[in-house]
Amino acid sequence: MTCHRCGGLMLAEQYDDLHDYMRQAESLGWRCVNCGAVAPDGKSISFAFLDATNMKSPDDPHISRVRFDLQDKNHVTQVWGWSDKGKEMELTLKPERAK
């Protein structure tokens, strides 16, 4: 199977749901070996920008990366990176589940 985003190799992976996020003990998923990575502890998922169509130049503003850190079933941190004219910037969001 190939990734719809970058054409890279997709691998099937089993994820253990230790914090009961999805209300099941484990789940199966796919991860691209080129543009997506899952941390060994299973609490962080990262993606990096590969390329794009419709960009006039690589210096055009674009999202360059994102990481999702899963703290517990109510909290996740999102770290978004973007590039504009070669300058890298970062934004961190910390949403939480409404109770």
PDB file of N, CA and C in Angstrom:
ATOM      1  N   MET A   1       0.852  -1.170   0.000  1.00  0.00           N
ATOM      2  CA  MET A   1       0.000   0.000   0.000  1.00  0.00           C
ATOM      3  C   MET A   1       0.895   1.229   0.000  1.00  0.00           C
ATOM      4  N   THR A   2       0.487   2.263  -0.734  1.00  0.00           N
ATOM      5  CA  THR A   2       1.260   3.506  -0.774  1.00  0.00           C
ATOM      6  C   THR A   2       0.464   4.654  -0.153  1.00  0.00           C
ATOM      7  N   CYS A   3       1.187   5.603   0.384  1.00  0.00           N
ATOM      8  CA  CYS A   3       0.597   6.767   1.042  1.00  0.00           C
ATOM      9  C   CYS A   3      -0.039   7.697   0.000  1.00  0.00           C
ATOM     10  N   HIS A   4      -1.264   8.133   0.270  1.00  0.00           N
ATOM     11  CA  HIS A   4      -1.942   9.059  -0.635  1.00  0.00           C
ATOM     12  C   HIS A   4      -1.289  10.436  -0.629  1.00  0.00           C
ATOM     13  N   ARG A   5      -0.542  10.746   0.421  1.00  0.00           N
ATOM     14  CA  ARG A   5       0.073  12.065   0.566  1.00  0.00           C
ATOM     15  C   ARG A   5       1.413  12.176  -0.153  1.00  0.00           C
ATOM     16  N   CYS A   6       2.280  11.158   0.013  1.00  0.00           N
ATOM     17  CA  CYS A   6       3.628  11.279  -0.534  1.00  0.00           C
ATOM     18  C   CYS A   6       4.045  10.101  -1.408  1.00  0.00           C
ATOM     19  N   GLY A   7       3.216   9.059  -1.483  1.00  0.00           N
ATOM     20  CA  GLY A   7       3.556   7.887  -2.282  1.00  0.00           C
ATOM     21  C   GLY A   7       4.488   6.927  -1.570  1.00  0.00           C
ATOM     22  N   GLY A   8       4.773   7.189  -0.289  1.00  0.00           N
ATOM     23  CA  GLY A   8       5.688   6.347   0.485  1.00  0.00           C
ATOM     24  C   GLY A   8       5.052   5.032   0.921  1.00  0.00           C
ATOM     25  N   LEU A   9       5.862   4.180   1.487  1.00  0.00           N
ATOM     26  CA  LEU A   9       5.435   2.863   1.953  1.00  0.00           C
ATOM     27  C   LEU A   9       4.593   2.986   3.223  1.00  0.00           C
ATOM     28  N   MET A  10       3.451   2.325   3.249  1.00  0.00           N
ATOM     29  CA  MET A  10       2.589   2.298   4.430  1.00  0.00           C
ATOM     30  C   MET A  10       2.798   0.985   5.169  1.00  0.00           C
ATOM     31  N   LEU A  11       2.919   1.056   6.481  1.00  0.00           N
ATOM     32  CA  LEU A  11       3.070  -0.121   7.321  1.00  0.00           C
ATOM     33  C   LEU A  11       1.879  -0.234   8.258  1.00  0.00           C
ATOM     34  N   ALA A  12       1.384  -1.465   8.418  1.00  0.00           N
ATOM     35  CA  ALA A  12       0.312  -1.713   9.387  1.00  0.00           C
ATOM     36  C   ALA A  12       0.939  -1.764  10.773  1.00  0.00           C
ATOM     37  N   GLU A  13       0.289  -1.116  11.738  1.00  0.00           N
ATOM     38  CA  GLU A  13       0.793  -1.107  13.105  1.00  0.00           C
ATOM     39  C   GLU A  13      -0.338  -1.341  14.075  1.00  0.00           C
ATOM     40  N   GLN A  14      -0.002  -1.947  15.189  1.00  0.00           N
ATOM     41  CA  GLN A  14      -0.959  -2.156  16.274  1.00  0.00           C
ATOM     42  C   GLN A  14      -0.657  -1.158  17.372  1.00  0.00           C
ATOM     43  N   TYR A  15      -1.693  -0.454  17.836  1.00  0.00           N
ATOM     44  CA  TYR A  15      -1.542   0.547  18.888  1.00  0.00           C
ATOM     45  C   TYR A  15      -2.291   0.067  20.122  1.00  0.00           C
ATOM     46  N   ASP A  16      -1.594   0.028  21.235  1.00  0.00           N
ATOM     47  CA  ASP A  16      -2.232  -0.337  22.490  1.00  0.00           C
ATOM     48  C   ASP A  16      -2.854   0.898  23.115  1.00  0.00           C
ATOM     49  N   ASP A  17      -4.082   0.793  23.545  1.00  0.00           N
ATOM     50  CA  ASP A  17      -4.823   1.921  24.108  1.00  0.00           C
ATOM     51  C   ASP A  17      -4.690   1.891  25.629  1.00  0.00           C
ATOM     52  N   LEU A  18      -3.511   2.251  26.132  1.00  0.00           N
ATOM     53  CA  LEU A  18      -3.236   2.150  27.563  1.00  0.00           C
ATOM     54  C   LEU A  18      -4.033   3.133  28.402  1.00  0.00           C
ATOM     55  N   HIS A  19      -4.455   4.252  27.813  1.00  0.00           N
ATOM     56  CA  HIS A  19      -5.203   5.260  28.555  1.00  0.00           C
ATOM     57  C   HIS A  19      -6.697   5.212  28.276  1.00  0.00           C
ATOM     58  N   ASP A  20      -7.134   4.207  27.531  1.00  0.00           N
ATOM     59  CA  ASP A  20      -8.559   4.012  27.220  1.00  0.00           C
ATOM     60  C   ASP A  20      -9.141   5.188  26.446  1.00  0.00           C
ATOM     61  N   TYR A  21      -8.349   5.784  25.510  1.00  0.00           N
ATOM     62  CA  TYR A  21      -8.822   6.887  24.676  1.00  0.00           C
ATOM     63  C   TYR A  21      -9.989   6.459  23.798  1.00  0.00           C
ATOM     64  N   MET A  22      -9.866   5.257  23.209  1.00  0.00           N
ATOM     65  CA  MET A  22     -10.856   4.811  22.234  1.00  0.00           C
ATOM     66  C   MET A  22     -11.786   3.748  22.793  1.00  0.00           C
ATOM     67  N   ARG A  23     -11.717   3.521  24.080  1.00  0.00           N
ATOM     68  CA  ARG A  23     -12.571   2.553  24.757  1.00  0.00           C
ATOM     69  C   ARG A  23     -12.370   1.125  24.252  1.00  0.00           C
ATOM     70  N   GLN A  24     -11.130   0.809  23.880  1.00  0.00           N
ATOM     71  CA  GLN A  24     -10.791  -0.551  23.495  1.00  0.00           C
ATOM     72  C   GLN A  24      -9.333  -0.793  23.850  1.00  0.00           C
ATOM     73  N   ALA A  25      -8.942  -2.044  24.000  1.00  0.00           N
ATOM     74  CA  ALA A  25      -7.602  -2.366  24.459  1.00  0.00           C
ATOM     75  C   ALA A  25      -6.532  -2.075  23.407  1.00  0.00           C
ATOM     76  N   GLU A  26      -6.867  -2.263  22.123  1.00  0.00           N
ATOM     77  CA  GLU A  26      -5.888  -2.024  21.079  1.00  0.00           C
ATOM     78  C   GLU A  26      -6.594  -1.694  19.778  1.00  0.00           C
ATOM     79  N   SER A  27      -5.860  -1.106  18.865  1.00  0.00           N
ATOM     80  CA  SER A  27      -6.419  -0.808  17.552  1.00  0.00           C
ATOM     81  C   SER A  27      -5.323  -0.979  16.508  1.00  0.00           C
ATOM     82  N   LEU A  28      -5.725  -1.137  15.279  1.00  0.00           N
ATOM     83  CA  LEU A  28      -4.783  -1.265  14.181  1.00  0.00           C
ATOM     84  C   LEU A  28      -4.811  -0.001  13.343  1.00  0.00           C
ATOM     85  N   GLY A  29      -3.682   0.385  12.812  1.00  0.00           N
ATOM     86  CA  GLY A  29      -3.619   1.573  11.985  1.00  0.00           C
ATOM     87  C   GLY A  29      -2.467   1.478  11.011  1.00  0.00           C
ATOM     88  N   TRP A  30      -2.368   2.470  10.152  1.00  0.00           N
ATOM     89  CA  TRP A  30      -1.315   2.538   9.150  1.00  0.00           C
ATOM     90  C   TRP A  30      -0.451   3.750   9.419  1.00  0.00           C
ATOM     91  N   ARG A  31       0.832   3.603   9.143  1.00  0.00           N
ATOM     92  CA  ARG A  31       1.765   4.716   9.284  1.00  0.00           C
ATOM     93  C   ARG A  31       2.671   4.756   8.067  1.00  0.00           C
ATOM     94  N   CYS A  32       2.845   5.937   7.509  1.00  0.00           N
ATOM     95  CA  CYS A  32       3.738   6.125   6.369  1.00  0.00           C
ATOM     96  C   CYS A  32       5.165   6.234   6.885  1.00  0.00           C
ATOM     97  N   VAL A  33       6.061   5.473   6.295  1.00  0.00           N
ATOM     98  CA  VAL A  33       7.450   5.530   6.740  1.00  0.00           C
ATOM     99  C   VAL A  33       8.159   6.784   6.238  1.00  0.00           C
ATOM    100  N   ASN A  34       7.561   7.504   5.272  1.00  0.00           N
ATOM    101  CA  ASN A  34       8.188   8.722   4.745  1.00  0.00           C
ATOM    102  C   ASN A  34       7.738   9.989   5.465  1.00  0.00           C
ATOM    103  N   CYS A  35       6.443  10.182   5.653  1.00  0.00           N
ATOM    104  CA  CYS A  35       5.984  11.483   6.143  1.00  0.00           C
ATOM    105  C   CYS A  35       5.263  11.426   7.489  1.00  0.00           C
ATOM    106  N   GLY A  36       5.072  10.263   8.068  1.00  0.00           N
ATOM    107  CA  GLY A  36       4.418  10.169   9.373  1.00  0.00           C
ATOM    108  C   GLY A  36       5.190   9.254  10.291  1.00  0.00           C
ATOM    109  N   ALA A  37       5.298   9.622  11.544  1.00  0.00           N
ATOM    110  CA  ALA A  37       6.035   8.800  12.502  1.00  0.00           C
ATOM    111  C   ALA A  37       5.235   8.688  13.786  1.00  0.00           C
ATOM    112  N   VAL A  38       5.270   7.541  14.390  1.00  0.00           N
ATOM    113  CA  VAL A  38       4.636   7.331  15.687  1.00  0.00           C
ATOM    114  C   VAL A  38       5.747   7.050  16.680  1.00  0.00           C
ATOM    115  N   ALA A  39       5.767   7.780  17.780  1.00  0.00           N
ATOM    116  CA  ALA A  39       6.819   7.613  18.778  1.00  0.00           C
ATOM    117  C   ALA A  39       6.765   6.221  19.393  1.00  0.00           C
ATOM    118  N   PRO A  40       7.907   5.700  19.876  1.00  0.00           N
ATOM    119  CA  PRO A  40       7.934   4.363  20.462  1.00  0.00           C
ATOM    120  C   PRO A  40       6.971   4.192  21.637  1.00  0.00           C
ATOM    121  N   ASP A  41       6.750   5.259  22.415  1.00  0.00           N
ATOM    122  CA  ASP A  41       5.831   5.130  23.550  1.00  0.00           C
ATOM    123  C   ASP A  41       4.369   5.249  23.133  1.00  0.00           C
ATOM    124  N   GLY A  42       4.112   5.553  21.858  1.00  0.00           N
ATOM    125  CA  GLY A  42       2.741   5.647  21.360  1.00  0.00           C
ATOM    126  C   GLY A  42       2.007   6.901  21.785  1.00  0.00           C
ATOM    127  N   LYS A  43       2.680   7.849  22.429  1.00  0.00           N
ATOM    128  CA  LYS A  43       2.019   9.058  22.913  1.00  0.00           C
ATOM    129  C   LYS A  43       2.265  10.279  22.042  1.00  0.00           C
ATOM    130  N   SER A  44       2.996  10.115  20.949  1.00  0.00           N
ATOM    131  CA  SER A  44       3.311  11.241  20.083  1.00  0.00           C
ATOM    132  C   SER A  44       3.255  10.798  18.630  1.00  0.00           C
ATOM    133  N   ILE A  45       2.614  11.620  17.798  1.00  0.00           N
ATOM    134  CA  ILE A  45       2.531  11.347  16.372  1.00  0.00           C
ATOM    135  C   ILE A  45       3.027  12.595  15.649  1.00  0.00           C
ATOM    136  N   SER A  46       3.964  12.424  14.732  1.00  0.00           N
ATOM    137  CA  SER A  46       4.567  13.554  14.027  1.00  0.00           C
ATOM    138  C   SER A  46       4.423  13.404  12.525  1.00  0.00           C
ATOM    139  N   PHE A  47       4.276  14.540  11.851  1.00  0.00           N
ATOM    140  CA  PHE A  47       4.226  14.578  10.402  1.00  0.00           C
ATOM    141  C   PHE A  47       5.097  15.732   9.929  1.00  0.00           C
ATOM    142  N   ALA A  48       5.778  15.527   8.806  1.00  0.00           N
ATOM    143  CA  ALA A  48       6.627  16.570   8.237  1.00  0.00           C
ATOM    144  C   ALA A  48       6.201  16.830   6.794  1.00  0.00           C
ATOM    145  N   PHE A  49       6.300  18.082   6.385  1.00  0.00           N
ATOM    146  CA  PHE A  49       5.963  18.498   5.031  1.00  0.00           C
ATOM    147  C   PHE A  49       6.929  17.857   4.047  1.00  0.00           C
ATOM    148  N   LEU A  50       6.396  17.300   2.984  1.00  0.00           N
ATOM    149  CA  LEU A  50       7.237  16.685   1.959  1.00  0.00           C
ATOM    150  C   LEU A  50       7.348  17.591   0.744  1.00  0.00           C
ATOM    151  N   ASP A  51       6.236  17.870   0.091  1.00  0.00           N
ATOM    152  CA  ASP A  51       6.198  18.790  -1.034  1.00  0.00           C
ATOM    153  C   ASP A  51       4.740  19.109  -1.332  1.00  0.00           C
ATOM    154  N   ALA A  52       4.522  19.978  -2.301  1.00  0.00           N
ATOM    155  CA  ALA A  52       3.143  20.356  -2.618  1.00  0.00           C
ATOM    156  C   ALA A  52       3.033  20.788  -4.070  1.00  0.00           C
ATOM    157  N   THR A  53       1.829  20.693  -4.569  1.00  0.00           N
ATOM    158  CA  THR A  53       1.537  21.278  -5.870  1.00  0.00           C
ATOM    159  C   THR A  53       0.949  22.663  -5.624  1.00  0.00           C
ATOM    160  N   ASN A  54       0.898  23.474  -6.638  1.00  0.00           N
ATOM    161  CA  ASN A  54       0.305  24.814  -6.570  1.00  0.00           C
ATOM    162  C   ASN A  54       1.069  25.790  -5.688  1.00  0.00           C
ATOM    163  N   MET A  55       2.300  25.465  -5.307  1.00  0.00           N
ATOM    164  CA  MET A  55       3.149  26.432  -4.611  1.00  0.00           C
ATOM    165  C   MET A  55       4.099  27.012  -5.654  1.00  0.00           C
ATOM    166  N   LYS A  56       4.145  28.318  -5.757  1.00  0.00           N
ATOM    167  CA  LYS A  56       5.020  28.947  -6.734  1.00  0.00           C
ATOM    168  C   LYS A  56       6.489  28.772  -6.362  1.00  0.00           C
ATOM    169  N   SER A  57       6.750  28.720  -5.051  1.00  0.00           N
ATOM    170  CA  SER A  57       8.130  28.620  -4.573  1.00  0.00           C
ATOM    171  C   SER A  57       8.130  27.897  -3.224  1.00  0.00           C
ATOM    172  N   PRO A  58       9.200  27.170  -2.900  1.00  0.00           N
ATOM    173  CA  PRO A  58       9.301  26.562  -1.563  1.00  0.00           C
ATOM    174  C   PRO A  58       9.328  27.606  -0.442  1.00  0.00           C
ATOM    175  N   ASP A  59       9.578  28.881  -0.798  1.00  0.00           N
ATOM    176  CA  ASP A  59       9.573  29.954   0.196  1.00  0.00           C
ATOM    177  C   ASP A  59       8.173  30.487   0.495  1.00  0.00           C
ATOM    178  N   ASP A  60       7.152  30.051  -0.278  1.00  0.00           N
ATOM    179  CA  ASP A  60       5.772  30.461   0.002  1.00  0.00           C
ATOM    180  C   ASP A  60       5.370  29.977   1.402  1.00  0.00           C
ATOM    181  N   PRO A  61       4.520  30.715   2.101  1.00  0.00           N
ATOM    182  CA  PRO A  61       4.080  30.284   3.429  1.00  0.00           C
ATOM    183  C   PRO A  61       3.381  28.926   3.359  1.00  0.00           C
ATOM    184  N   HIS A  62       3.756  28.026   4.266  1.00  0.00           N
ATOM    185  CA  HIS A  62       3.115  26.710   4.328  1.00  0.00           C
ATOM    186  C   HIS A  62       3.383  26.050   5.679  1.00  0.00           C
ATOM    187  N   ILE A  63       2.495  25.131   6.062  1.00  0.00           N
ATOM    188  CA  ILE A  63       2.704  24.333   7.272  1.00  0.00           C
ATOM    189  C   ILE A  63       3.807  23.332   6.965  1.00  0.00           C
ATOM    190  N   SER A  64       4.816  23.294   7.816  1.00  0.00           N
ATOM    191  CA  SER A  64       5.974  22.444   7.552  1.00  0.00           C
ATOM    192  C   SER A  64       6.001  21.182   8.409  1.00  0.00           C
ATOM    193  N   ARG A  65       5.292  21.191   9.523  1.00  0.00           N
ATOM    194  CA  ARG A  65       5.284  20.005  10.403  1.00  0.00           C
ATOM    195  C   ARG A  65       4.167  20.144  11.433  1.00  0.00           C
ATOM    196  N   VAL A  66       3.814  19.018  12.034  1.00  0.00           N
ATOM    197  CA  VAL A  66       2.874  19.017  13.153  1.00  0.00           C
ATOM    198  C   VAL A  66       3.180  17.801  14.024  1.00  0.00           C
ATOM    199  N   ARG A  67       3.014  17.976  15.327  1.00  0.00           N
ATOM    200  CA  ARG A  67       3.192  16.879  16.282  1.00  0.00           C
ATOM    201  C   ARG A  67       2.026  16.904  17.259  1.00  0.00           C
ATOM    202  N   PHE A  68       1.459  15.742  17.532  1.00  0.00           N
ATOM    203  CA  PHE A  68       0.387  15.604  18.502  1.00  0.00           C
ATOM    204  C   PHE A  68       0.931  14.796  19.670  1.00  0.00           C
ATOM    205  N   ASP A  69       0.941  15.384  20.872  1.00  0.00           N
ATOM    206  CA  ASP A  69       1.390  14.706  22.084  1.00  0.00           C
ATOM    207  C   ASP A  69       0.169  14.389  22.937  1.00  0.00           C
ATOM    208  N   LEU A  70      -0.061  13.108  23.184  1.00  0.00           N
ATOM    209  CA  LEU A  70      -1.229  12.661  23.949  1.00  0.00           C
ATOM    210  C   LEU A  70      -0.839  12.511  25.415  1.00  0.00           C
ATOM    211  N   GLN A  71      -1.326  13.431  26.269  1.00  0.00           N
ATOM    212  CA  GLN A  71      -0.994  13.364  27.689  1.00  0.00           C
ATOM    213  C   GLN A  71      -1.887  12.358  28.426  1.00  0.00           C
ATOM    214  N   ASP A  72      -3.168  12.486  28.241  1.00  0.00           N
ATOM    215  CA  ASP A  72      -4.140  11.578  28.853  1.00  0.00           C
ATOM    216  C   ASP A  72      -5.413  11.653  28.019  1.00  0.00           C
ATOM    217  N   LYS A  73      -6.489  11.015  28.475  1.00  0.00           N
ATOM    218  CA  LYS A  73      -7.689  10.956  27.637  1.00  0.00           C
ATOM    219  C   LYS A  73      -8.406  12.298  27.499  1.00  0.00           C
ATOM    220  N   ASN A  74      -8.004  13.314  28.259  1.00  0.00           N
ATOM    221  CA  ASN A  74      -8.637  14.629  28.178  1.00  0.00           C
ATOM    222  C   ASN A  74      -7.731  15.731  27.639  1.00  0.00           C
ATOM    223  N   HIS A  75      -6.445  15.439  27.426  1.00  0.00           N
ATOM    224  CA  HIS A  75      -5.499  16.477  27.038  1.00  0.00           C
ATOM    225  C   HIS A  75      -4.585  16.012  25.903  1.00  0.00           C
ATOM    226  N   VAL A  76      -4.430  16.878  24.914  1.00  0.00           N
ATOM    227  CA  VAL A  76      -3.502  16.639  23.808  1.00  0.00           C
ATOM    228  C   VAL A  76      -2.837  17.975  23.462  1.00  0.00           C
ATOM    229  N   THR A  77      -1.540  17.949  23.242  1.00  0.00           N
ATOM    230  CA  THR A  77      -0.827  19.151  22.827  1.00  0.00           C
ATOM    231  C   THR A  77      -0.546  19.043  21.339  1.00  0.00           C
ATOM    232  N   GLN A  78      -0.807  20.120  20.611  1.00  0.00           N
ATOM    233  CA  GLN A  78      -0.521  20.181  19.177  1.00  0.00           C
ATOM    234  C   GLN A  78       0.586  21.206  18.974  1.00  0.00           C
ATOM    235  N   VAL A  79       1.642  20.802  18.300  1.00  0.00           N
ATOM    236  CA  VAL A  79       2.740  21.714  17.986  1.00  0.00           C
ATOM    237  C   VAL A  79       2.810  21.830  16.464  1.00  0.00           C
ATOM    238  N   TRP A  80       2.424  22.988  15.951  1.00  0.00           N
ATOM    239  CA  TRP A  80       2.377  23.254  14.514  1.00  0.00           C
ATOM    240  C   TRP A  80       3.577  24.103  14.129  1.00  0.00           C
ATOM    241  N   GLY A  81       4.247  23.710  13.060  1.00  0.00           N
ATOM    242  CA  GLY A  81       5.359  24.498  12.539  1.00  0.00           C
ATOM    243  C   GLY A  81       5.022  24.978  11.142  1.00  0.00           C
ATOM    244  N   TRP A  82       5.441  26.183  10.813  1.00  0.00           N
ATOM    245  CA  TRP A  82       5.220  26.675   9.464  1.00  0.00           C
ATOM    246  C   TRP A  82       6.443  27.466   9.013  1.00  0.00           C
ATOM    247  N   SER A  83       6.554  27.556   7.718  1.00  0.00           N
ATOM    248  CA  SER A  83       7.688  28.229   7.102  1.00  0.00           C
ATOM    249  C   SER A  83       7.179  29.362   6.225  1.00  0.00           C
ATOM    250  N   ASP A  84       7.850  30.500   6.295  1.00  0.00           N
ATOM    251  CA  ASP A  84       7.499  31.656   5.469  1.00  0.00           C
ATOM    252  C   ASP A  84       8.796  32.337   5.047  1.00  0.00           C
ATOM    253  N   LYS A  85       9.094  32.265   3.759  1.00  0.00           N
ATOM    254  CA  LYS A  85      10.322  32.841   3.206  1.00  0.00           C
ATOM    255  C   LYS A  85      11.562  32.283   3.904  1.00  0.00           C
ATOM    256  N   GLY A  86      11.532  30.988   4.215  1.00  0.00           N
ATOM    257  CA  GLY A  86      12.659  30.317   4.844  1.00  0.00           C
ATOM    258  C   GLY A  86      12.736  30.457   6.349  1.00  0.00           C
ATOM    259  N   LYS A  87      11.878  31.284   6.941  1.00  0.00           N
ATOM    260  CA  LYS A  87      11.864  31.458   8.391  1.00  0.00           C
ATOM    261  C   LYS A  87      10.899  30.448   9.008  1.00  0.00           C
ATOM    262  N   GLU A  88      11.388  29.655   9.962  1.00  0.00           N
ATOM    263  CA  GLU A  88      10.563  28.661  10.645  1.00  0.00           C
ATOM    264  C   GLU A  88       9.913  29.272  11.885  1.00  0.00           C
ATOM    265  N   MET A  89       8.617  29.016  12.056  1.00  0.00           N
ATOM    266  CA  MET A  89       7.872  29.497  13.215  1.00  0.00           C
ATOM    267  C   MET A  89       7.117  28.330  13.827  1.00  0.00           C
ATOM    268  N   GLU A  90       6.640  28.497  15.066  1.00  0.00           N
ATOM    269  CA  GLU A  90       5.963  27.403  15.760  1.00  0.00           C
ATOM    270  C   GLU A  90       4.799  27.941  16.588  1.00  0.00           C
ATOM    271  N   LEU A  91       3.739  27.154  16.650  1.00  0.00           N
ATOM    272  CA  LEU A  91       2.572  27.483  17.456  1.00  0.00           C
ATOM    273  C   LEU A  91       2.179  26.249  18.245  1.00  0.00           C
ATOM    274  N   THR A  92       1.993  26.401  19.551  1.00  0.00           N
ATOM    275  CA  THR A  92       1.584  25.286  20.406  1.00  0.00           C
ATOM    276  C   THR A  92       0.162  25.523  20.893  1.00  0.00           C
ATOM    277  N   LEU A  93      -0.701  24.526  20.692  1.00  0.00           N
ATOM    278  CA  LEU A  93      -2.094  24.564  21.155  1.00  0.00           C
ATOM    279  C   LEU A  93      -2.297  23.466  22.184  1.00  0.00           C
ATOM    280  N   LYS A  94      -3.067  23.779  23.244  1.00  0.00           N
ATOM    281  CA  LYS A  94      -3.322  22.787  24.295  1.00  0.00           C
ATOM    282  C   LYS A  94      -4.815  22.688  24.576  1.00  0.00           C
ATOM    283  N   PRO A  95      -5.576  22.140  23.614  1.00  0.00           N
ATOM    284  CA  PRO A  95      -7.021  21.976  23.861  1.00  0.00           C
ATOM    285  C   PRO A  95      -7.262  20.865  24.872  1.00  0.00           C
ATOM    286  N   GLU A  96      -8.405  20.916  25.529  1.00  0.00           N
ATOM    287  CA  GLU A  96      -8.785  19.832  26.420  1.00  0.00           C
ATOM    288  C   GLU A  96     -10.255  19.503  26.231  1.00  0.00           C
ATOM    289  N   ARG A  97     -10.589  18.268  26.523  1.00  0.00           N
ATOM    290  CA  ARG A  97     -11.951  17.791  26.367  1.00  0.00           C
ATOM    291  C   ARG A  97     -12.885  18.494  27.351  1.00  0.00           C
ATOM    292  N   ALA A  98     -14.027  18.940  26.847  1.00  0.00           N
ATOM    293  CA  ALA A  98     -15.032  19.566  27.728  1.00  0.00           C
ATOM    294  C   ALA A  98     -15.668  18.492  28.594  1.00  0.00           C
ATOM    295  N   LYS A  99     -15.912  18.833  29.830  1.00  0.00           N
ATOM    296  CA  LYS A  99     -16.499  17.850  30.761  1.00  0.00           C
ATOM    297  C   LYS A  99     -17.939  18.160  31.033  1.00  0.00           C
TER     298      LYS A  99
END
